[in-house]
Amino acid sequence: MKLLFVSELHPTLRAISTITNYTRVGEAMGHEVAMFGEQSTYVSSVPYSLDVSAFDFAILVVYTPADFPGLPYLARLLDGLPRDRRIVIDCCGRYNDTIRVEHDFNHLEKLDGHQSWEWIEGFQAVSDKILQPTVTPLRKDVRPFLFHAFDPAAVERSYPSAQQAAQSWSNRVNGFKPYGVIYVGNNWQRWTQIRRFLELIEPLKSELGPIRLVGWDWNKRPDWAIEHALTGVDVDPKFLEQFGVETISAIPFTEVIGLLGKARFSPVFHRPLFNHLRLVTNRTFETFCADTIPLLMLPEDLIDRIYGPDARCLAPGGDVVSHLKDMMQRPEVYWDAVLKTRAHLAQHHSYRHRFQELLAILEH
């Protein structure tokens, strides 16, 4: 099978990690996978092509309007492959009526000017196959396809036992675990959860160690958010300073797993909209590759569906302080859950498994 992915790749944003894994796994399975467009200089491992007719299917991975190629490239894509050979993966729930959850929403009228009907008609014009990375899509004409996946080969440290993992994790000599908590993710619709989490763990600050937020716009509220009065990009620099939280800008996707491994804990947050739609992201799976204990700040039903039964103890729920205290006192119990969850993800949610799911959808 020859597959042509269509999306805007950026080293610190959206689906770049997932798509690079599809190209790697697809090639290993004997398929040809490339990106549509001119060869990128910062993602040299991903092949690019403009020869649309040489491919069997085009797969449009859509977060924002920028993921659709501009003219004349869009015309070349639409002319080169018929509609039934094009597929859309809607990563943000755009292919729905307008939904608002807290400050979060699926249509960014203030930024891109596109309303719900434009997204729906636009997707329908491009393809008759719309997929969303959720197990429970709202629309009957949407097929569930989780898209993102777990890469067993990317696991930073593979431990033979929970005991050895806990011993290594507890040994912070020579700065092996210089941070208590690291969260990697850009500041978009996450501040409410981040602030609440920091407020809850405040009694444990001295025991946990330094905390770091990594991503765009954690140091201050961006000018474009102020200009458009977007409340979903809030941040309180004074609060973070008083709390002693370090903030650094976004890092390349190739450095995420290694950085998360410098912390004892790494929370997994989904945007309020994503929690509502049960959408998954690359970080849903990628965090389990790092040498850290993931804190699953997610709906219980999603945890059960994605991670399996052993992951439930990695969800602090409402009593975060007590849960973290127990994790620090009995790390072997929780590392046992991490290792078993990794095995579950490798069996049910590997990139090879996901690629086979995609092929089944295309062949059907």
Protein backbone atom coordinates (compact mmCIF):
# COMPACT_ATOMS: atom_id res chain seq x y z
CA MET A 1 0.00 0.00 0.00
CA LYS A 2 1.23 3.53 -0.80
CA LEU A 3 -0.05 6.18 1.62
CA LEU A 4 0.37 9.94 1.35
CA PHE A 5 -0.15 11.91 4.56
CA VAL A 6 -1.31 15.50 4.25
CA SER A 7 -0.76 17.88 7.18
CA GLU A 8 1.43 20.72 8.39
CA LEU A 9 4.40 19.31 10.29
CA HIS A 10 6.08 21.42 12.94
CA PRO A 11 8.79 20.09 15.28
CA THR A 12 6.92 21.17 18.44
CA LEU A 13 3.25 20.92 17.48
CA ARG A 14 0.39 18.53 16.81
CA ALA A 15 0.92 15.19 15.06
CA ILE A 16 4.57 15.26 14.03
CA SER A 17 5.59 12.48 16.42
CA THR A 18 2.67 10.28 15.36
CA ILE A 19 3.20 10.78 11.62
CA THR A 20 6.93 10.11 11.81
CA ASN A 21 6.13 6.83 13.53
CA TYR A 22 3.66 5.90 10.80
CA THR A 23 6.32 6.44 8.16
CA ARG A 24 8.81 4.32 10.10
CA VAL A 25 6.42 1.47 10.89
CA GLY A 26 4.83 1.53 7.45
CA GLU A 27 8.21 1.12 5.77
CA ALA A 28 9.10 -1.73 8.16
CA MET A 29 5.84 -3.48 7.20
CA GLY A 30 6.61 -3.19 3.50
CA HIS A 31 4.47 -0.16 2.66
CA GLU A 32 5.42 3.21 1.22
CA VAL A 33 4.49 6.22 3.35
CA ALA A 34 5.29 9.85 2.57
CA MET A 35 4.16 13.40 3.31
CA PHE A 36 2.59 15.56 0.64
CA GLY A 37 4.63 18.62 -0.25
CA GLU A 38 8.15 19.89 -0.67
CA GLN A 39 10.83 18.07 1.32
CA SER A 40 11.06 19.45 4.86
CA THR A 41 14.45 20.52 6.16
CA TYR A 42 13.68 19.91 9.85
CA VAL A 43 12.03 16.47 9.51
CA SER A 44 14.57 14.82 7.25
CA SER A 45 13.54 11.32 8.35
CA VAL A 46 10.12 11.73 6.70
CA PRO A 47 10.05 11.42 2.89
CA TYR A 48 7.97 13.97 0.95
CA SER A 49 6.37 13.72 -2.46
CA LEU A 50 4.29 15.83 -4.83
CA ASP A 51 3.52 12.90 -7.13
CA VAL A 52 -0.05 12.35 -5.93
CA SER A 53 -0.91 9.82 -8.63
CA ALA A 54 1.82 7.48 -7.37
CA PHE A 55 -0.11 6.81 -4.12
CA ASP A 56 -3.16 4.69 -3.34
CA PHE A 57 -4.66 6.94 -0.66
CA ALA A 58 -4.25 10.45 0.73
CA ILE A 59 -4.74 10.79 4.51
CA LEU A 60 -5.47 14.33 5.66
CA VAL A 61 -4.58 14.82 9.34
CA VAL A 62 -6.44 17.96 10.39
CA TYR A 63 -6.08 20.14 13.47
CA THR A 64 -6.32 23.64 11.99
CA PRO A 65 -7.04 25.12 8.54
CA ALA A 66 -3.28 25.26 7.96
CA ASP A 67 -3.25 21.47 7.70
CA PHE A 68 -5.03 21.78 4.34
CA PRO A 69 -2.42 22.62 1.68
CA GLY A 70 -2.74 25.95 -0.07
CA LEU A 71 -3.11 26.47 -3.79
CA PRO A 72 -1.87 25.18 -6.17
CA TYR A 73 -1.01 22.15 -4.00
CA LEU A 74 -4.59 21.55 -2.87
CA ALA A 75 -5.76 21.47 -6.48
CA ARG A 76 -3.02 18.97 -7.33
CA LEU A 77 -4.11 16.77 -4.43
CA LEU A 78 -7.82 16.86 -5.28
CA ASP A 79 -7.21 16.32 -8.98
CA GLY A 80 -4.67 13.56 -8.44
CA LEU A 81 -6.77 11.29 -6.22
CA PRO A 82 -10.56 10.79 -6.37
CA ARG A 83 -12.70 11.51 -3.32
CA ASP A 84 -13.06 7.86 -2.34
CA ARG A 85 -9.27 7.64 -2.21
CA ARG A 86 -9.01 10.48 0.30
CA ILE A 87 -9.57 10.12 4.04
CA VAL A 88 -9.76 12.74 6.82
CA ILE A 89 -8.56 12.21 10.40
CA ASP A 90 -10.26 14.94 12.43
CA CYS A 91 -8.00 15.30 15.48
CA CYS A 92 -9.92 18.09 17.28
CA GLY A 93 -13.58 17.24 16.78
CA ARG A 94 -14.14 19.87 14.10
CA TYR A 95 -16.58 17.59 12.29
CA ASN A 96 -19.33 18.30 14.85
CA ASP A 97 -21.75 21.07 15.60
CA THR A 98 -20.24 23.74 17.83
CA ILE A 99 -19.39 22.38 21.28
CA ARG A 100 -18.27 24.46 24.25
CA VAL A 101 -16.86 22.91 27.42
CA GLU A 102 -15.69 25.43 30.05
CA HIS A 103 -13.47 27.81 28.04
CA ASP A 104 -12.80 25.18 25.39
CA PHE A 105 -14.49 24.82 22.00
CA ASN A 106 -14.09 22.96 18.73
CA HIS A 107 -14.56 25.88 16.32
CA LEU A 108 -12.21 28.85 16.46
CA GLU A 109 -14.36 31.48 14.77
CA LYS A 110 -12.41 34.32 16.40
CA LEU A 111 -9.13 33.03 15.00
CA ASP A 112 -9.79 31.29 11.68
CA GLY A 113 -13.27 32.60 10.84
CA HIS A 114 -14.72 29.16 10.10
CA GLN A 115 -18.04 28.11 11.60
CA SER A 116 -19.29 24.57 12.20
CA TRP A 117 -21.13 24.20 8.89
CA GLU A 118 -18.00 25.23 6.99
CA TRP A 119 -15.93 22.52 8.69
CA ILE A 120 -18.59 19.88 8.12
CA GLU A 121 -19.15 20.74 4.46
CA GLY A 122 -15.42 21.12 3.89
CA PHE A 123 -14.66 17.67 5.25
CA GLN A 124 -17.49 16.15 3.24
CA ALA A 125 -16.19 17.79 0.07
CA VAL A 126 -12.74 16.30 0.61
CA SER A 127 -13.71 12.76 1.59
CA ASP A 128 -16.52 10.35 2.32
CA LYS A 129 -14.47 8.78 5.14
CA ILE A 130 -14.10 10.87 8.32
CA LEU A 131 -12.22 9.39 11.28
CA GLN A 132 -11.78 10.80 14.78
CA PRO A 133 -9.31 9.63 17.48
CA THR A 134 -12.03 8.69 19.95
CA VAL A 135 -13.81 5.48 20.86
CA THR A 136 -17.17 7.29 20.98
CA PRO A 137 -17.71 9.71 18.06
CA LEU A 138 -20.90 11.79 18.25
CA ARG A 139 -21.84 11.61 14.58
CA LYS A 140 -23.01 8.39 12.96
CA ASP A 141 -20.98 9.09 9.81
CA VAL A 142 -17.71 9.20 11.76
CA ARG A 143 -15.60 6.11 12.28
CA PRO A 144 -13.56 5.76 15.51
CA PHE A 145 -9.83 5.46 14.90
CA LEU A 146 -7.45 6.38 17.73
CA PHE A 147 -4.65 7.34 15.28
CA HIS A 148 -2.03 8.01 17.99
CA ALA A 149 -0.26 5.01 19.47
CA PHE A 150 2.42 3.59 21.75
CA ASP A 151 5.94 2.83 20.56
CA PRO A 152 7.53 0.04 22.65
CA ALA A 153 10.91 0.73 21.03
CA ALA A 154 10.84 4.30 22.35
CA VAL A 155 10.63 3.27 26.02
CA GLU A 156 13.53 5.08 27.63
CA ARG A 157 14.28 2.43 30.28
CA SER A 158 12.92 -1.10 30.17
CA TYR A 159 12.99 -2.64 33.61
CA PRO A 160 12.83 -6.41 34.23
CA SER A 161 10.84 -5.89 37.44
CA ALA A 162 8.88 -3.28 39.33
CA GLN A 163 11.37 -3.60 42.17
CA GLN A 164 14.29 -2.52 39.99
CA ALA A 165 12.21 0.26 38.43
CA ALA A 166 11.27 1.57 41.88
CA GLN A 167 14.88 1.43 43.09
CA SER A 168 16.09 3.36 40.06
CA TRP A 169 13.24 5.87 40.34
CA SER A 170 13.91 6.48 44.05
CA ASN A 171 17.62 7.09 43.52
CA ARG A 172 17.95 10.81 42.88
CA VAL A 173 21.69 10.95 43.48
CA ASN A 174 23.68 13.16 41.10
CA GLY A 175 20.54 14.78 39.74
CA PHE A 176 19.19 11.61 38.15
CA LYS A 177 15.66 12.86 38.89
CA PRO A 178 16.20 16.60 39.23
CA TYR A 179 12.46 17.37 38.98
CA GLY A 180 9.45 16.28 40.93
CA VAL A 181 6.95 17.03 38.18
CA ILE A 182 7.34 17.92 34.50
CA TYR A 183 4.44 18.63 32.18
CA VAL A 184 5.07 18.98 28.44
CA GLY A 185 2.29 20.61 26.47
CA ASN A 186 1.52 23.99 25.00
CA ASN A 187 -0.69 26.45 26.88
CA TRP A 188 -3.96 26.00 25.04
CA GLN A 189 -7.08 25.24 27.11
CA ARG A 190 -5.06 23.63 29.93
CA TRP A 191 -4.48 26.38 32.48
CA THR A 192 -7.55 25.57 34.60
CA GLN A 193 -6.34 22.00 35.08
CA ILE A 194 -2.71 22.97 35.59
CA ARG A 195 -3.54 25.57 38.23
CA ARG A 196 -5.88 23.25 40.08
CA PHE A 197 -3.22 20.51 40.06
CA LEU A 198 -0.56 22.88 41.43
CA GLU A 199 -2.90 24.11 44.15
CA LEU A 200 -3.64 20.53 45.19
CA ILE A 201 0.01 19.48 45.44
CA GLU A 202 1.10 22.65 47.26
CA PRO A 203 1.50 20.80 50.62
CA LEU A 204 4.03 18.47 48.96
CA LYS A 205 6.22 21.10 47.27
CA SER A 206 9.29 20.47 49.40
CA GLU A 207 8.98 16.68 49.14
CA LEU A 208 8.36 16.58 45.40
CA GLY A 209 11.13 18.85 44.22
CA PRO A 210 11.16 21.37 41.37
CA ILE A 211 8.26 21.60 38.91
CA ARG A 212 8.61 22.52 35.25
CA LEU A 213 6.09 23.43 32.54
CA VAL A 214 7.33 23.02 28.98
CA GLY A 215 5.61 24.51 25.94
CA TRP A 216 4.46 27.68 24.26
CA ASP A 217 3.03 30.58 26.30
CA TRP A 218 3.46 29.37 29.88
CA ASN A 219 5.54 32.43 30.78
CA LYS A 220 2.83 34.98 29.94
CA ARG A 221 -0.55 35.34 28.29
CA PRO A 222 0.13 35.81 24.56
CA ASP A 223 -0.80 39.06 22.84
CA TRP A 224 -3.02 37.29 20.29
CA ALA A 225 -5.11 35.81 23.10
CA ILE A 226 -5.56 39.24 24.66
CA GLU A 227 -6.44 40.75 21.28
CA HIS A 228 -9.16 38.15 20.63
CA ALA A 229 -10.28 37.90 24.29
CA LEU A 230 -9.67 34.15 24.33
CA THR A 231 -9.99 32.99 27.92
CA GLY A 232 -8.72 29.49 27.17
CA VAL A 233 -5.11 30.70 27.00
CA ASP A 234 -4.92 32.02 30.54
CA VAL A 235 -1.83 31.88 32.72
CA ASP A 236 -0.78 33.57 35.97
CA PRO A 237 2.99 34.23 35.90
CA LYS A 238 2.99 35.58 39.49
CA PHE A 239 1.30 32.45 40.75
CA LEU A 240 3.85 30.26 38.96
CA GLU A 241 6.72 32.36 40.29
CA GLN A 242 5.43 32.18 43.85
CA PHE A 243 4.98 28.44 43.46
CA GLY A 244 8.53 28.11 42.14
CA VAL A 245 7.46 26.61 38.81
CA GLU A 246 10.01 26.81 36.00
CA THR A 247 8.71 27.49 32.50
CA ILE A 248 10.58 26.89 29.26
CA SER A 249 9.44 27.17 25.67
CA ALA A 250 8.46 24.26 23.46
CA ILE A 251 11.05 21.61 22.65
CA PRO A 252 11.41 19.41 19.55
CA PHE A 253 9.30 16.25 19.60
CA THR A 254 12.46 14.12 19.65
CA GLU A 255 13.36 15.45 23.12
CA VAL A 256 10.03 14.99 24.89
CA ILE A 257 10.48 11.46 26.24
CA GLY A 258 13.96 12.16 27.56
CA LEU A 259 12.84 15.33 29.31
CA LEU A 260 9.84 13.66 30.95
CA GLY A 261 12.23 11.04 32.30
CA LYS A 262 13.99 13.71 34.37
CA ALA A 263 10.92 13.95 36.62
CA ARG A 264 9.48 11.53 39.14
CA PHE A 265 5.95 12.29 37.96
CA SER A 266 4.40 13.48 34.72
CA PRO A 267 0.67 14.31 34.59
CA VAL A 268 -1.38 13.46 31.52
CA PHE A 269 -3.97 16.18 30.90
CA HIS A 270 -6.46 16.40 28.05
CA ARG A 271 -8.25 19.60 27.13
CA PRO A 272 -11.82 19.90 28.53
CA LEU A 273 -13.19 19.47 24.99
CA PHE A 274 -11.07 16.36 24.50
CA ASN A 275 -12.28 14.91 27.81
CA HIS A 276 -15.85 15.56 26.71
CA LEU A 277 -15.36 13.90 23.31
CA ARG A 278 -12.94 11.28 24.69
CA LEU A 279 -10.33 12.31 22.13
CA VAL A 280 -6.80 11.02 22.61
CA THR A 281 -3.50 12.71 21.74
CA ASN A 282 0.07 11.62 21.14
CA ARG A 283 0.90 12.36 24.80
CA THR A 284 -1.83 9.91 25.89
CA PHE A 285 0.55 7.12 24.88
CA GLU A 286 3.95 8.79 24.70
CA THR A 287 4.13 9.54 28.44
CA PHE A 288 4.39 5.81 29.15
CA CYS A 289 7.60 5.68 27.12
CA ALA A 290 9.34 8.01 29.58
CA ASP A 291 11.17 6.94 32.74
CA THR A 292 8.56 8.54 34.98
CA ILE A 293 5.34 7.64 36.76
CA PRO A 294 2.44 9.02 34.70
CA LEU A 295 -0.39 10.68 36.63
CA LEU A 296 -3.57 10.03 34.66
CA MET A 297 -5.74 13.12 35.14
CA LEU A 298 -8.37 11.71 32.79
CA PRO A 299 -11.95 10.36 32.89
CA GLU A 300 -12.10 6.90 34.45
CA ASP A 301 -13.88 5.29 31.51
CA LEU A 302 -11.19 6.53 29.13
CA ILE A 303 -8.47 5.16 31.39
CA ASP A 304 -10.14 1.75 31.39
CA ARG A 305 -10.69 1.71 27.62
CA ILE A 306 -7.17 2.83 26.68
CA TYR A 307 -4.80 1.71 29.42
CA GLY A 308 -6.44 -1.39 30.86
CA PRO A 309 -7.33 -2.31 34.46
CA ASP A 310 -3.85 -1.99 35.96
CA ALA A 311 -3.64 1.72 35.16
CA ARG A 312 -6.49 2.73 37.46
CA CYS A 313 -4.11 3.20 40.43
CA LEU A 314 -2.16 5.78 38.38
CA ALA A 315 -5.21 8.09 38.48
CA PRO A 316 -5.03 10.24 41.62
CA GLY A 317 -8.68 11.25 41.39
CA GLY A 318 -9.72 13.96 43.84
CA ASP A 319 -7.21 13.16 46.59
CA VAL A 320 -4.00 13.99 44.77
CA VAL A 321 -1.91 14.65 47.88
CA SER A 322 -2.65 11.32 49.55
CA HIS A 323 -2.10 9.51 46.27
CA LEU A 324 1.28 11.13 45.66
CA LYS A 325 2.38 10.45 49.22
CA ASP A 326 1.56 6.78 48.78
CA MET A 327 3.39 6.71 45.45
CA MET A 328 6.51 8.11 47.07
CA GLN A 329 6.27 5.69 50.02
CA ARG A 330 5.43 2.58 47.93
CA PRO A 331 6.82 3.22 44.43
CA GLU A 332 7.09 -0.48 43.61
CA VAL A 333 3.30 -0.85 43.66
CA TYR A 334 2.89 1.92 41.11
CA TRP A 335 5.81 0.89 38.95
CA ASP A 336 4.19 -2.52 38.74
CA ALA A 337 1.15 -0.73 37.31
CA VAL A 338 3.34 1.25 34.88
CA LEU A 339 5.08 -1.88 33.56
CA LYS A 340 1.81 -3.79 33.19
CA THR A 341 0.22 -0.81 31.42
CA ARG A 342 3.17 -0.60 29.04
CA ALA A 343 2.63 -4.28 28.20
CA HIS A 344 -1.08 -3.60 27.63
CA LEU A 345 -0.32 -0.66 25.34
CA ALA A 346 2.27 -2.68 23.42
CA GLN A 347 -0.27 -5.43 22.85
CA HIS A 348 -3.31 -3.33 21.97
CA HIS A 349 -2.08 0.14 20.94
CA SER A 350 1.28 -0.19 19.20
CA TYR A 351 1.94 1.68 15.96
CA ARG A 352 2.05 -1.63 14.12
CA HIS A 353 -1.40 -2.47 15.49
CA ARG A 354 -2.68 0.99 14.59
CA PHE A 355 -1.24 0.81 11.08
CA GLN A 356 -3.04 -2.49 10.52
CA GLU A 357 -6.28 -0.88 11.71
CA LEU A 358 -5.79 1.92 9.20
CA LEU A 359 -5.15 -0.52 6.38
CA ALA A 360 -8.34 -2.40 7.26
CA ILE A 361 -10.33 0.84 7.05
CA LEU A 362 -8.79 1.75 3.70
CA GLU A 363 -9.24 -1.72 2.21
CA HIS A 364 -12.85 -1.86 3.34
